[in-house]
């Protein structure tokens, strides 16, 4: 497989493959009873997700399991585990920010009944910073995938047939 060169064709391929992937995930979940969650970022940067139950519940279960089983993750794959660690940290920070915002709104409604809760500019700035960190995670994941694509084994020896076909003895 290789990257689709045409931008328009790449978008069409993404759309078709996304639907196919989501259908397979639905089928897998139905057949096995497993909770299935998928995150995708389109070539244009638009996020998509699918979940057999709730993407938040699946993400929460996944992170809880990872916390309870820290040694199960393959640490030999260091680049990938760093990306997951960064994602986990970001997820926890967003959860804390959201909880603080929920409490702020609750307190405001108690103190000023009937008034509209003003937006929290600091929270918006934090969310923008988190979005930038998420884009960095995406870039690191892409870089990791590119390095994996270009890895090759230097211990592979060409067969005798290859040498003979080129005309060299």
N, C-alpha and C. Protein backbone atom coordinates (compact mmCIF):
# COMPACT_ATOMS: atom_id res chain seq x y z
N UNK A 1 0.84 -1.18 0.00
CA UNK A 1 0.00 0.00 0.00
C UNK A 1 0.88 1.24 0.00
N UNK A 2 0.37 2.26 -0.64
CA UNK A 2 1.11 3.53 -0.65
C UNK A 2 0.13 4.68 -0.56
N UNK A 3 0.65 5.84 -0.24
CA UNK A 3 -0.16 7.04 -0.09
C UNK A 3 -0.81 7.41 -1.43
N UNK A 4 -2.08 7.73 -1.40
CA UNK A 4 -2.79 8.19 -2.59
C UNK A 4 -2.29 9.60 -2.89
N UNK A 5 -1.74 9.80 -4.08
CA UNK A 5 -1.09 11.06 -4.42
C UNK A 5 -2.06 12.23 -4.58
N UNK A 6 -3.16 12.03 -5.27
CA UNK A 6 -4.12 13.10 -5.52
C UNK A 6 -4.87 13.44 -4.23
N UNK A 7 -4.92 14.74 -3.92
CA UNK A 7 -5.58 15.19 -2.70
C UNK A 7 -7.07 14.82 -2.71
N UNK A 8 -7.74 15.05 -3.84
CA UNK A 8 -9.16 14.73 -3.94
C UNK A 8 -9.39 13.23 -3.80
N UNK A 9 -8.58 12.44 -4.47
CA UNK A 9 -8.72 10.99 -4.38
C UNK A 9 -8.44 10.50 -2.96
N UNK A 10 -7.49 11.17 -2.28
CA UNK A 10 -7.17 10.79 -0.90
C UNK A 10 -8.36 11.04 0.01
N UNK A 11 -9.07 12.16 -0.18
CA UNK A 11 -10.26 12.46 0.62
C UNK A 11 -11.37 11.44 0.38
N UNK A 12 -11.57 11.09 -0.90
CA UNK A 12 -12.59 10.10 -1.23
C UNK A 12 -12.23 8.75 -0.62
N UNK A 13 -10.96 8.36 -0.74
CA UNK A 13 -10.50 7.10 -0.16
C UNK A 13 -10.68 7.10 1.34
N UNK A 14 -10.32 8.21 1.99
CA UNK A 14 -10.49 8.31 3.44
C UNK A 14 -11.95 8.09 3.81
N UNK A 15 -12.84 8.77 3.12
CA UNK A 15 -14.27 8.68 3.43
C UNK A 15 -14.78 7.26 3.28
N UNK A 16 -14.43 6.61 2.17
CA UNK A 16 -14.88 5.23 1.94
C UNK A 16 -14.28 4.27 2.97
N UNK A 17 -12.99 4.39 3.22
CA UNK A 17 -12.32 3.49 4.16
C UNK A 17 -12.81 3.73 5.59
N UNK A 18 -13.12 4.98 5.91
CA UNK A 18 -13.64 5.30 7.24
C UNK A 18 -14.95 4.57 7.47
N UNK A 19 -15.86 4.66 6.50
CA UNK A 19 -17.15 3.98 6.62
C UNK A 19 -16.97 2.47 6.73
N UNK A 20 -16.06 1.93 5.92
CA UNK A 20 -15.78 0.50 5.96
C UNK A 20 -15.22 0.08 7.32
N UNK A 21 -14.30 0.87 7.84
CA UNK A 21 -13.70 0.59 9.15
C UNK A 21 -14.76 0.63 10.25
N UNK A 22 -15.61 1.65 10.23
CA UNK A 22 -16.67 1.76 11.23
C UNK A 22 -17.66 0.61 11.13
N UNK A 23 -17.97 0.18 9.90
CA UNK A 23 -18.86 -0.97 9.73
C UNK A 23 -18.23 -2.24 10.29
N UNK A 24 -16.94 -2.44 10.03
CA UNK A 24 -16.23 -3.61 10.58
C UNK A 24 -16.20 -3.56 12.10
N UNK A 25 -16.02 -2.37 12.66
CA UNK A 25 -16.00 -2.21 14.11
C UNK A 25 -17.37 -2.57 14.70
N UNK A 26 -18.44 -2.15 14.03
CA UNK A 26 -19.79 -2.48 14.47
C UNK A 26 -19.99 -3.98 14.43
N UNK A 27 -19.57 -4.61 13.35
CA UNK A 27 -19.69 -6.06 13.20
C UNK A 27 -18.89 -6.78 14.28
N UNK A 28 -17.66 -6.34 14.51
CA UNK A 28 -16.80 -6.95 15.52
C UNK A 28 -17.45 -6.85 16.90
N UNK A 29 -17.98 -5.69 17.23
CA UNK A 29 -18.63 -5.48 18.51
C UNK A 29 -19.86 -6.37 18.66
N UNK A 30 -20.65 -6.47 17.60
CA UNK A 30 -21.86 -7.30 17.64
C UNK A 30 -21.52 -8.78 17.81
N UNK A 31 -20.50 -9.24 17.10
CA UNK A 31 -20.14 -10.66 17.17
C UNK A 31 -19.47 -11.06 18.47
N UNK A 32 -18.67 -10.16 19.03
CA UNK A 32 -17.87 -10.53 20.21
C UNK A 32 -18.38 -9.93 21.52
N UNK A 33 -19.22 -8.91 21.44
CA UNK A 33 -19.68 -8.24 22.65
C UNK A 33 -18.63 -7.29 23.23
N UNK A 34 -17.57 -7.06 22.47
CA UNK A 34 -16.49 -6.18 22.94
C UNK A 34 -16.89 -4.72 22.78
N UNK A 35 -16.35 -3.88 23.65
CA UNK A 35 -16.49 -2.44 23.48
C UNK A 35 -15.42 -2.01 22.48
N UNK A 36 -15.85 -1.30 21.43
CA UNK A 36 -14.92 -0.90 20.37
C UNK A 36 -14.95 0.62 20.26
N UNK A 37 -13.77 1.23 20.22
CA UNK A 37 -13.66 2.67 20.04
C UNK A 37 -12.57 2.98 19.03
N UNK A 38 -12.85 3.90 18.12
CA UNK A 38 -11.88 4.27 17.08
C UNK A 38 -11.81 5.79 17.01
N UNK A 39 -10.57 6.32 16.99
CA UNK A 39 -10.33 7.74 16.75
C UNK A 39 -9.64 7.87 15.40
N UNK A 40 -10.10 8.79 14.57
CA UNK A 40 -9.47 9.08 13.28
C UNK A 40 -9.33 10.58 13.13
N UNK A 41 -8.26 11.00 12.48
CA UNK A 41 -8.08 12.39 12.09
C UNK A 41 -7.94 12.38 10.58
N UNK A 42 -8.84 13.08 9.89
CA UNK A 42 -8.83 13.09 8.42
C UNK A 42 -7.59 13.83 7.92
N UNK A 43 -7.27 13.66 6.63
CA UNK A 43 -6.13 14.40 6.06
C UNK A 43 -6.29 15.92 6.20
N UNK A 44 -7.53 16.40 6.29
CA UNK A 44 -7.75 17.83 6.45
C UNK A 44 -7.70 18.25 7.92
N UNK A 45 -7.55 17.28 8.83
CA UNK A 45 -7.43 17.59 10.25
C UNK A 45 -8.72 17.45 11.04
N UNK A 46 -9.80 17.01 10.40
CA UNK A 46 -11.08 16.87 11.09
C UNK A 46 -11.13 15.55 11.86
N UNK A 47 -11.51 15.60 13.15
CA UNK A 47 -11.55 14.37 13.94
C UNK A 47 -12.86 13.59 13.72
N UNK A 48 -12.75 12.27 13.76
CA UNK A 48 -13.89 11.38 13.70
C UNK A 48 -13.71 10.32 14.78
N UNK A 49 -14.84 9.84 15.29
CA UNK A 49 -14.74 8.75 16.25
C UNK A 49 -15.93 7.83 16.08
N UNK A 50 -15.73 6.60 16.48
CA UNK A 50 -16.80 5.60 16.51
C UNK A 50 -16.67 4.87 17.83
N UNK A 51 -17.80 4.56 18.43
CA UNK A 51 -17.77 3.75 19.64
C UNK A 51 -19.02 2.89 19.68
N UNK A 52 -18.84 1.65 20.12
CA UNK A 52 -19.97 0.75 20.22
C UNK A 52 -20.86 1.14 21.40
N UNK A 53 -20.28 1.79 22.40
CA UNK A 53 -21.07 2.31 23.53
C UNK A 53 -20.89 3.82 23.57
N UNK A 54 -19.92 4.28 24.31
CA UNK A 54 -19.60 5.70 24.40
C UNK A 54 -18.09 5.83 24.33
N UNK A 55 -17.60 6.73 23.48
CA UNK A 55 -16.16 6.88 23.31
C UNK A 55 -15.51 7.30 24.63
N UNK A 56 -16.24 8.09 25.43
CA UNK A 56 -15.71 8.51 26.73
C UNK A 56 -15.57 7.31 27.66
N UNK A 57 -16.59 6.43 27.69
CA UNK A 57 -16.52 5.23 28.53
C UNK A 57 -15.40 4.30 28.10
N UNK A 58 -15.25 4.11 26.81
CA UNK A 58 -14.20 3.23 26.31
C UNK A 58 -12.83 3.80 26.63
N UNK A 59 -12.65 5.11 26.41
CA UNK A 59 -11.37 5.76 26.73
C UNK A 59 -11.08 5.65 28.22
N UNK A 60 -12.10 5.87 29.04
CA UNK A 60 -11.94 5.77 30.49
C UNK A 60 -11.53 4.35 30.89
N UNK A 61 -12.21 3.35 30.35
CA UNK A 61 -11.88 1.94 30.64
C UNK A 61 -10.45 1.62 30.22
N UNK A 62 -10.08 2.10 29.03
CA UNK A 62 -8.73 1.85 28.52
C UNK A 62 -7.68 2.45 29.45
N UNK A 63 -7.88 3.70 29.84
CA UNK A 63 -6.91 4.37 30.70
C UNK A 63 -6.86 3.74 32.09
N UNK A 64 -8.02 3.35 32.63
CA UNK A 64 -8.03 2.66 33.93
C UNK A 64 -7.26 1.36 33.84
N UNK A 65 -7.49 0.59 32.77
CA UNK A 65 -6.80 -0.68 32.62
C UNK A 65 -5.29 -0.46 32.53
N UNK A 66 -4.89 0.56 31.78
CA UNK A 66 -3.46 0.85 31.66
C UNK A 66 -2.85 1.23 33.00
N UNK A 67 -3.60 1.97 33.81
CA UNK A 67 -3.09 2.33 35.13
C UNK A 67 -2.95 1.11 36.04
N UNK A 68 -3.87 0.18 35.92
CA UNK A 68 -3.84 -1.03 36.74
C UNK A 68 -2.84 -2.05 36.22
N UNK A 69 -2.47 -1.97 34.97
CA UNK A 69 -1.56 -2.94 34.35
C UNK A 69 -0.43 -2.23 33.62
N UNK A 70 0.40 -1.48 34.35
CA UNK A 70 1.42 -0.68 33.67
C UNK A 70 2.50 -1.51 32.98
N UNK A 71 2.74 -2.73 33.44
CA UNK A 71 3.81 -3.54 32.87
C UNK A 71 3.39 -4.32 31.64
N UNK A 72 2.12 -4.32 31.32
CA UNK A 72 1.63 -5.08 30.18
C UNK A 72 1.97 -4.39 28.87
N UNK A 73 2.07 -3.07 28.87
CA UNK A 73 2.39 -2.32 27.66
C UNK A 73 3.80 -2.67 27.22
N UNK A 74 3.98 -2.88 25.92
CA UNK A 74 5.27 -3.24 25.37
C UNK A 74 6.21 -2.04 25.42
N UNK A 75 7.14 -2.04 26.34
CA UNK A 75 8.05 -0.91 26.50
C UNK A 75 9.17 -0.91 25.46
N UNK A 76 9.32 -2.00 24.70
CA UNK A 76 10.33 -2.03 23.65
C UNK A 76 9.98 -1.05 22.54
N UNK A 77 8.72 -0.75 22.41
CA UNK A 77 8.24 0.17 21.39
C UNK A 77 8.21 1.57 22.00
N UNK A 78 9.37 2.11 22.30
CA UNK A 78 9.48 3.33 23.09
C UNK A 78 8.78 4.53 22.47
N UNK A 79 8.93 4.76 21.19
CA UNK A 79 8.30 5.91 20.54
C UNK A 79 6.80 5.86 20.66
N UNK A 80 6.23 4.70 20.47
CA UNK A 80 4.79 4.55 20.54
C UNK A 80 4.31 4.73 21.98
N UNK A 81 5.02 4.15 22.96
CA UNK A 81 4.58 4.27 24.34
C UNK A 81 4.68 5.71 24.83
N UNK A 82 5.67 6.47 24.33
CA UNK A 82 5.76 7.89 24.70
C UNK A 82 4.56 8.66 24.19
N UNK A 83 4.11 8.33 22.99
CA UNK A 83 2.93 9.00 22.43
C UNK A 83 1.72 8.68 23.29
N UNK A 84 1.56 7.41 23.68
CA UNK A 84 0.42 7.03 24.52
C UNK A 84 0.51 7.70 25.89
N UNK A 85 1.71 7.80 26.44
CA UNK A 85 1.90 8.44 27.74
C UNK A 85 1.50 9.91 27.64
N UNK A 86 1.92 10.57 26.60
CA UNK A 86 1.57 11.98 26.41
C UNK A 86 0.06 12.14 26.25
N UNK A 87 -0.55 11.22 25.49
CA UNK A 87 -2.00 11.25 25.31
C UNK A 87 -2.70 11.04 26.65
N UNK A 88 -2.21 10.10 27.45
CA UNK A 88 -2.80 9.84 28.76
C UNK A 88 -2.72 11.08 29.65
N UNK A 89 -1.56 11.72 29.67
CA UNK A 89 -1.38 12.93 30.48
C UNK A 89 -2.34 14.03 30.02
N UNK A 90 -2.45 14.20 28.72
CA UNK A 90 -3.34 15.22 28.17
C UNK A 90 -4.79 14.92 28.53
N UNK A 91 -5.18 13.67 28.43
CA UNK A 91 -6.55 13.26 28.78
C UNK A 91 -6.85 13.59 30.25
N UNK A 92 -5.92 13.27 31.14
CA UNK A 92 -6.12 13.56 32.56
C UNK A 92 -6.24 15.06 32.81
N UNK A 93 -5.41 15.85 32.16
CA UNK A 93 -5.47 17.30 32.33
C UNK A 93 -6.80 17.87 31.85
N UNK A 94 -7.29 17.38 30.72
CA UNK A 94 -8.57 17.86 30.20
C UNK A 94 -9.70 17.46 31.16
N UNK A 95 -9.63 16.27 31.72
CA UNK A 95 -10.64 15.83 32.69
C UNK A 95 -10.66 16.77 33.91
N UNK A 96 -9.49 17.14 34.39
CA UNK A 96 -9.39 18.05 35.54
C UNK A 96 -9.95 19.42 35.18
N UNK A 97 -9.59 19.94 34.00
CA UNK A 97 -10.10 21.24 33.55
C UNK A 97 -11.62 21.20 33.46
N UNK A 98 -12.17 20.14 32.88
CA UNK A 98 -13.62 20.03 32.73
C UNK A 98 -14.31 19.94 34.10
N UNK A 99 -13.73 19.23 35.03
CA UNK A 99 -14.31 19.13 36.37
C UNK A 99 -14.29 20.49 37.08
N UNK A 100 -13.18 21.22 36.94
CA UNK A 100 -13.11 22.56 37.53
C UNK A 100 -14.14 23.49 36.92
N UNK A 101 -14.34 23.41 35.61
CA UNK A 101 -15.32 24.25 34.93
C UNK A 101 -16.74 23.90 35.39
N UNK A 102 -17.01 22.63 35.55
CA UNK A 102 -18.31 22.19 36.03
C UNK A 102 -18.59 22.76 37.43
N UNK A 103 -17.60 22.69 38.30
CA UNK A 103 -17.73 23.24 39.65
C UNK A 103 -17.90 24.75 39.64
N UNK A 104 -17.17 25.44 38.75
CA UNK A 104 -17.27 26.90 38.65
C UNK A 104 -18.68 27.30 38.23
N UNK A 105 -19.22 26.61 37.23
CA UNK A 105 -20.57 26.92 36.76
C UNK A 105 -21.60 26.66 37.87
N UNK A 106 -21.43 25.58 38.57
CA UNK A 106 -22.34 25.23 39.66
C UNK A 106 -22.33 26.31 40.75
N UNK A 107 -21.12 26.75 41.15
CA UNK A 107 -21.00 27.81 42.17
C UNK A 107 -21.62 29.12 41.67
N UNK A 108 -21.38 29.46 40.41
CA UNK A 108 -21.92 30.70 39.86
C UNK A 108 -23.44 30.69 39.86
N UNK A 109 -24.03 29.56 39.51
CA UNK A 109 -25.49 29.45 39.49
C UNK A 109 -26.09 29.56 40.89
N UNK A 110 -25.36 29.11 41.90
CA UNK A 110 -25.82 29.23 43.28
C UNK A 110 -25.72 30.69 43.74
N UNK A 111 -24.58 31.33 43.43
CA UNK A 111 -24.36 32.71 43.87
C UNK A 111 -25.22 33.72 43.10
N UNK A 112 -25.44 33.48 41.81
CA UNK A 112 -26.16 34.41 40.97
C UNK A 112 -27.29 33.68 40.23
N UNK A 113 -28.34 33.28 40.96
CA UNK A 113 -29.43 32.53 40.30
C UNK A 113 -30.07 33.35 39.19
N UNK A 114 -30.37 32.68 38.10
CA UNK A 114 -31.04 33.33 36.97
C UNK A 114 -30.10 34.04 36.02
N UNK A 115 -28.81 34.21 36.38
CA UNK A 115 -27.87 34.87 35.46
C UNK A 115 -27.14 33.82 34.62
N UNK A 116 -26.72 34.31 33.46
CA UNK A 116 -25.96 33.43 32.58
C UNK A 116 -24.51 33.37 33.04
N UNK A 117 -23.95 32.15 33.03
CA UNK A 117 -22.57 31.96 33.47
C UNK A 117 -21.63 32.50 32.39
N UNK A 118 -20.73 33.43 32.78
CA UNK A 118 -19.80 33.99 31.78
C UNK A 118 -18.76 32.95 31.37
N UNK A 119 -18.23 33.08 30.15
CA UNK A 119 -17.20 32.11 29.72
C UNK A 119 -15.92 32.29 30.53
N UNK A 120 -15.22 31.21 30.70
CA UNK A 120 -13.97 31.21 31.43
C UNK A 120 -12.82 31.31 30.42
N UNK A 121 -12.24 32.51 30.31
CA UNK A 121 -11.19 32.75 29.31
C UNK A 121 -9.94 31.90 29.58
N UNK A 122 -9.62 31.70 30.85
CA UNK A 122 -8.46 30.89 31.20
C UNK A 122 -8.65 29.45 30.72
N UNK A 123 -9.87 28.92 30.88
CA UNK A 123 -10.16 27.55 30.44
C UNK A 123 -10.03 27.46 28.92
N UNK A 124 -10.53 28.47 28.20
CA UNK A 124 -10.40 28.47 26.75
C UNK A 124 -8.94 28.47 26.32
N UNK A 125 -8.12 29.26 27.01
CA UNK A 125 -6.69 29.29 26.71
C UNK A 125 -6.05 27.93 26.97
N UNK A 126 -6.45 27.29 28.08
CA UNK A 126 -5.92 25.96 28.40
C UNK A 126 -6.32 24.94 27.34
N UNK A 127 -7.57 25.02 26.88
CA UNK A 127 -8.03 24.08 25.86
C UNK A 127 -7.29 24.29 24.54
N UNK A 128 -6.99 25.55 24.20
CA UNK A 128 -6.21 25.82 23.00
C UNK A 128 -4.81 25.24 23.14
N UNK A 129 -4.21 25.40 24.31
CA UNK A 129 -2.88 24.83 24.56
C UNK A 129 -2.92 23.31 24.45
N UNK A 130 -4.00 22.71 24.95
CA UNK A 130 -4.13 21.26 24.84
C UNK A 130 -4.31 20.81 23.39
N UNK A 131 -5.02 21.62 22.61
CA UNK A 131 -5.19 21.30 21.19
C UNK A 131 -3.84 21.31 20.50
N UNK A 132 -3.01 22.29 20.82
CA UNK A 132 -1.67 22.36 20.23
C UNK A 132 -0.83 21.15 20.64
N UNK A 133 -0.96 20.74 21.91
CA UNK A 133 -0.24 19.54 22.37
C UNK A 133 -0.74 18.30 21.65
N UNK A 134 -2.05 18.22 21.40
CA UNK A 134 -2.61 17.09 20.68
C UNK A 134 -2.07 17.04 19.25
N UNK A 135 -1.94 18.20 18.62
CA UNK A 135 -1.36 18.25 17.27
C UNK A 135 0.10 17.78 17.29
N UNK A 136 0.82 18.11 18.37
CA UNK A 136 2.20 17.65 18.50
C UNK A 136 2.24 16.13 18.66
N UNK A 137 1.30 15.59 19.44
CA UNK A 137 1.22 14.13 19.60
C UNK A 137 0.97 13.48 18.24
N UNK A 138 0.07 14.07 17.47
CA UNK A 138 -0.25 13.55 16.14
C UNK A 138 1.01 13.55 15.27
N UNK A 139 1.76 14.65 15.32
CA UNK A 139 2.99 14.75 14.53
C UNK A 139 4.00 13.69 14.97
N UNK A 140 4.15 13.50 16.30
CA UNK A 140 5.07 12.48 16.80
C UNK A 140 4.65 11.09 16.34
N UNK A 141 3.34 10.83 16.37
CA UNK A 141 2.84 9.53 15.92
C UNK A 141 3.13 9.34 14.44
N UNK A 142 2.92 10.39 13.64
CA UNK A 142 3.21 10.30 12.20
C UNK A 142 4.70 10.06 11.96
N UNK A 143 5.55 10.77 12.71
CA UNK A 143 7.00 10.58 12.57
C UNK A 143 7.39 9.17 12.95
N UNK A 144 6.76 8.64 13.99
CA UNK A 144 7.04 7.27 14.43
C UNK A 144 6.66 6.30 13.32
N UNK A 145 5.48 6.50 12.72
CA UNK A 145 5.04 5.61 11.64
C UNK A 145 5.97 5.69 10.44
N UNK A 146 6.46 6.89 10.11
CA UNK A 146 7.37 7.04 8.97
C UNK A 146 8.68 6.31 9.23
N UNK A 147 9.22 6.40 10.46
CA UNK A 147 10.47 5.71 10.74
C UNK A 147 10.28 4.21 10.67
N UNK A 148 9.12 3.73 11.10
CA UNK A 148 8.84 2.29 11.02
C UNK A 148 8.74 1.85 9.56
N UNK A 149 8.16 2.69 8.69
CA UNK A 149 8.03 2.33 7.28
C UNK A 149 9.39 2.18 6.61
N UNK A 150 10.35 3.00 7.01
CA UNK A 150 11.64 3.01 6.35
C UNK A 150 12.69 2.15 7.03
N UNK A 151 12.31 1.40 8.06
CA UNK A 151 13.25 0.48 8.69
C UNK A 151 13.46 -0.71 7.76
N UNK A 152 14.67 -1.21 7.74
CA UNK A 152 14.91 -2.43 6.98
C UNK A 152 16.01 -3.20 7.69
N UNK A 153 16.09 -4.47 7.39
CA UNK A 153 17.02 -5.36 8.06
C UNK A 153 18.31 -5.41 7.27
N UNK A 154 19.42 -4.99 7.89
CA UNK A 154 20.71 -5.01 7.22
C UNK A 154 21.30 -6.41 7.14
N UNK A 155 20.74 -7.35 7.87
CA UNK A 155 21.26 -8.72 7.90
C UNK A 155 20.71 -9.57 6.76
N UNK A 156 19.84 -9.02 5.94
CA UNK A 156 19.28 -9.79 4.83
C UNK A 156 20.34 -9.87 3.73
N UNK A 157 20.60 -11.09 3.25
CA UNK A 157 21.58 -11.32 2.20
C UNK A 157 20.83 -11.61 0.91
N UNK A 158 21.18 -10.96 -0.20
CA UNK A 158 20.48 -11.25 -1.45
C UNK A 158 20.71 -12.70 -1.86
N UNK A 159 19.70 -13.28 -2.49
CA UNK A 159 19.82 -14.67 -2.92
C UNK A 159 20.74 -14.75 -4.14
N UNK A 160 21.21 -15.96 -4.45
CA UNK A 160 22.10 -16.17 -5.58
C UNK A 160 21.41 -15.80 -6.90
N UNK A 161 20.09 -16.03 -6.97
CA UNK A 161 19.37 -15.76 -8.21
C UNK A 161 19.46 -14.29 -8.58
N UNK A 162 19.40 -13.40 -7.57
CA UNK A 162 19.46 -11.96 -7.86
C UNK A 162 20.81 -11.58 -8.47
N UNK A 163 21.91 -12.13 -7.94
CA UNK A 163 23.23 -11.82 -8.45
C UNK A 163 23.42 -12.33 -9.87
N UNK A 164 22.90 -13.52 -10.18
CA UNK A 164 23.07 -14.11 -11.50
C UNK A 164 22.27 -13.36 -12.56
N UNK A 165 21.08 -12.86 -12.18
CA UNK A 165 20.24 -12.17 -13.17
C UNK A 165 20.84 -10.84 -13.58
N UNK A 166 21.68 -10.24 -12.74
CA UNK A 166 22.25 -8.94 -13.08
C UNK A 166 23.49 -9.08 -13.97
N UNK A 167 23.95 -10.31 -14.18
CA UNK A 167 25.09 -10.50 -15.05
C UNK A 167 26.41 -10.59 -14.31
N UNK A 168 26.39 -10.45 -12.98
CA UNK A 168 27.61 -10.56 -12.20
C UNK A 168 27.79 -11.99 -11.73
N UNK A 169 29.01 -12.53 -11.70
CA UNK A 169 29.22 -13.92 -11.29
C UNK A 169 29.04 -14.12 -9.83
